[in-house]
């Protein structure tokens, strides 16, 4: 889970299986909703305010 507040959440355009969540902790996380797991974490130096 993110260490700070979530700034944005978006589902994949053509599937509700994948969800992106950006956070003030500088991460973007890709979740597989159907499997209930985090698939990948992308780290950045600054807060990530939006995903598209």
N, C-alpha and C. Protein backbone atom coordinates (compact mmCIF):
# COMPACT_ATOMS: atom_id res chain seq x y z
N UNK A 1 0.83 -1.19 0.00
CA UNK A 1 0.00 0.00 0.00
C UNK A 1 0.87 1.25 0.00
N UNK A 2 0.38 2.33 -0.57
CA UNK A 2 1.14 3.58 -0.55
C UNK A 2 1.40 4.06 0.88
N UNK A 3 2.52 4.76 1.05
CA UNK A 3 2.89 5.29 2.36
C UNK A 3 2.31 6.68 2.61
N UNK A 4 1.64 7.26 1.62
CA UNK A 4 1.02 8.57 1.75
C UNK A 4 -0.33 8.54 1.02
N UNK A 5 -1.00 9.66 0.94
CA UNK A 5 -2.33 9.72 0.34
C UNK A 5 -2.31 9.36 -1.15
N UNK A 6 -3.36 8.70 -1.59
CA UNK A 6 -3.55 8.39 -3.01
C UNK A 6 -4.06 9.64 -3.70
N UNK A 7 -3.44 9.98 -4.84
CA UNK A 7 -3.82 11.21 -5.55
C UNK A 7 -4.75 10.95 -6.73
N UNK A 8 -4.69 9.75 -7.31
CA UNK A 8 -5.52 9.44 -8.48
C UNK A 8 -5.66 7.93 -8.63
N UNK A 9 -6.82 7.51 -9.14
CA UNK A 9 -7.09 6.10 -9.39
C UNK A 9 -7.79 6.00 -10.74
N UNK A 10 -7.31 5.09 -11.59
CA UNK A 10 -7.95 4.90 -12.90
C UNK A 10 -7.91 3.42 -13.29
N UNK A 11 -9.03 2.94 -13.84
CA UNK A 11 -9.06 1.61 -14.42
C UNK A 11 -8.51 1.65 -15.83
N UNK A 12 -8.03 0.50 -16.31
CA UNK A 12 -7.59 0.39 -17.70
C UNK A 12 -8.76 0.71 -18.61
N UNK A 13 -8.51 1.36 -19.76
CA UNK A 13 -9.59 1.82 -20.64
C UNK A 13 -10.54 0.73 -21.13
N UNK A 14 -10.03 -0.47 -21.38
CA UNK A 14 -10.88 -1.51 -21.97
C UNK A 14 -11.09 -2.71 -21.05
N UNK A 15 -10.65 -2.59 -19.80
CA UNK A 15 -10.77 -3.72 -18.89
C UNK A 15 -10.84 -3.22 -17.45
N UNK A 16 -11.69 -3.80 -16.67
CA UNK A 16 -11.74 -3.47 -15.25
C UNK A 16 -10.81 -4.35 -14.42
N UNK A 17 -9.97 -5.15 -15.11
CA UNK A 17 -9.06 -6.04 -14.40
C UNK A 17 -7.89 -5.28 -13.79
N UNK A 18 -7.42 -4.22 -14.46
CA UNK A 18 -6.23 -3.51 -14.00
C UNK A 18 -6.57 -2.10 -13.53
N UNK A 19 -5.92 -1.70 -12.45
CA UNK A 19 -6.16 -0.42 -11.82
C UNK A 19 -4.81 0.25 -11.55
N UNK A 20 -4.68 1.52 -11.91
CA UNK A 20 -3.50 2.30 -11.58
C UNK A 20 -3.84 3.24 -10.44
N UNK A 21 -2.92 3.38 -9.49
CA UNK A 21 -3.10 4.32 -8.38
C UNK A 21 -1.82 5.10 -8.20
N UNK A 22 -1.92 6.43 -8.26
CA UNK A 22 -0.76 7.28 -8.01
C UNK A 22 -0.86 7.82 -6.59
N UNK A 23 0.31 8.22 -6.06
CA UNK A 23 0.34 8.64 -4.66
C UNK A 23 1.30 9.79 -4.43
N UNK A 24 1.05 10.49 -3.34
CA UNK A 24 1.94 11.56 -2.90
C UNK A 24 3.29 11.00 -2.45
N UNK A 25 3.41 9.70 -2.24
CA UNK A 25 4.69 9.11 -1.85
C UNK A 25 5.63 8.90 -3.04
N UNK A 26 5.21 9.30 -4.25
CA UNK A 26 6.06 9.20 -5.43
C UNK A 26 5.95 7.88 -6.16
N UNK A 27 4.90 7.13 -5.92
CA UNK A 27 4.75 5.84 -6.60
C UNK A 27 3.50 5.80 -7.47
N UNK A 28 3.57 4.94 -8.46
CA UNK A 28 2.40 4.54 -9.24
C UNK A 28 2.35 3.03 -9.13
N UNK A 29 1.22 2.51 -8.72
CA UNK A 29 1.09 1.07 -8.52
C UNK A 29 0.04 0.52 -9.49
N UNK A 30 0.38 -0.62 -10.07
CA UNK A 30 -0.52 -1.33 -10.97
C UNK A 30 -1.08 -2.53 -10.22
N UNK A 31 -2.39 -2.55 -10.06
CA UNK A 31 -3.07 -3.63 -9.36
C UNK A 31 -3.86 -4.49 -10.33
N UNK A 32 -3.82 -5.79 -10.10
CA UNK A 32 -4.67 -6.74 -10.81
C UNK A 32 -5.86 -7.00 -9.89
N UNK A 33 -6.98 -6.38 -10.20
CA UNK A 33 -8.15 -6.43 -9.33
C UNK A 33 -8.71 -7.85 -9.24
N UNK A 34 -8.75 -8.56 -10.35
CA UNK A 34 -9.34 -9.91 -10.34
C UNK A 34 -8.50 -10.89 -9.51
N UNK A 35 -7.18 -10.70 -9.49
CA UNK A 35 -6.31 -11.57 -8.69
C UNK A 35 -6.04 -11.00 -7.30
N UNK A 36 -6.48 -9.75 -7.06
CA UNK A 36 -6.31 -9.07 -5.78
C UNK A 36 -4.84 -8.95 -5.37
N UNK A 37 -3.97 -8.55 -6.35
CA UNK A 37 -2.55 -8.38 -6.06
C UNK A 37 -2.00 -7.12 -6.73
N UNK A 38 -0.90 -6.64 -6.19
CA UNK A 38 -0.16 -5.56 -6.82
C UNK A 38 0.80 -6.19 -7.84
N UNK A 39 0.69 -5.80 -9.09
CA UNK A 39 1.54 -6.36 -10.15
C UNK A 39 2.88 -5.66 -10.28
N UNK A 40 2.88 -4.32 -10.09
CA UNK A 40 4.12 -3.58 -10.27
C UNK A 40 4.06 -2.25 -9.53
N UNK A 41 5.23 -1.78 -9.11
CA UNK A 41 5.32 -0.46 -8.47
C UNK A 41 6.38 0.35 -9.20
N UNK A 42 5.99 1.51 -9.69
CA UNK A 42 6.90 2.45 -10.35
C UNK A 42 7.22 3.55 -9.36
N UNK A 43 8.50 3.86 -9.16
CA UNK A 43 8.90 4.88 -8.20
C UNK A 43 9.41 6.13 -8.90
N UNK A 44 9.07 7.27 -8.33
CA UNK A 44 9.50 8.58 -8.83
C UNK A 44 10.04 9.39 -7.65
N UNK A 45 10.82 10.42 -7.95
CA UNK A 45 11.41 11.24 -6.90
C UNK A 45 10.40 12.16 -6.22
N UNK A 46 9.38 12.59 -6.96
CA UNK A 46 8.39 13.52 -6.44
C UNK A 46 7.01 12.86 -6.41
N UNK A 47 6.07 13.54 -5.80
CA UNK A 47 4.69 13.05 -5.75
C UNK A 47 4.14 12.89 -7.16
N UNK A 48 3.33 11.86 -7.36
CA UNK A 48 2.66 11.64 -8.65
C UNK A 48 1.20 12.01 -8.44
N UNK A 49 0.75 13.02 -9.18
CA UNK A 49 -0.58 13.58 -8.92
C UNK A 49 -1.68 13.02 -9.81
N UNK A 50 -1.33 12.34 -10.91
CA UNK A 50 -2.36 11.84 -11.81
C UNK A 50 -1.84 10.66 -12.60
N UNK A 51 -2.73 9.80 -13.02
CA UNK A 51 -2.42 8.70 -13.94
C UNK A 51 -3.39 8.77 -15.10
N UNK A 52 -2.95 8.31 -16.27
CA UNK A 52 -3.85 8.35 -17.43
C UNK A 52 -3.71 7.09 -18.26
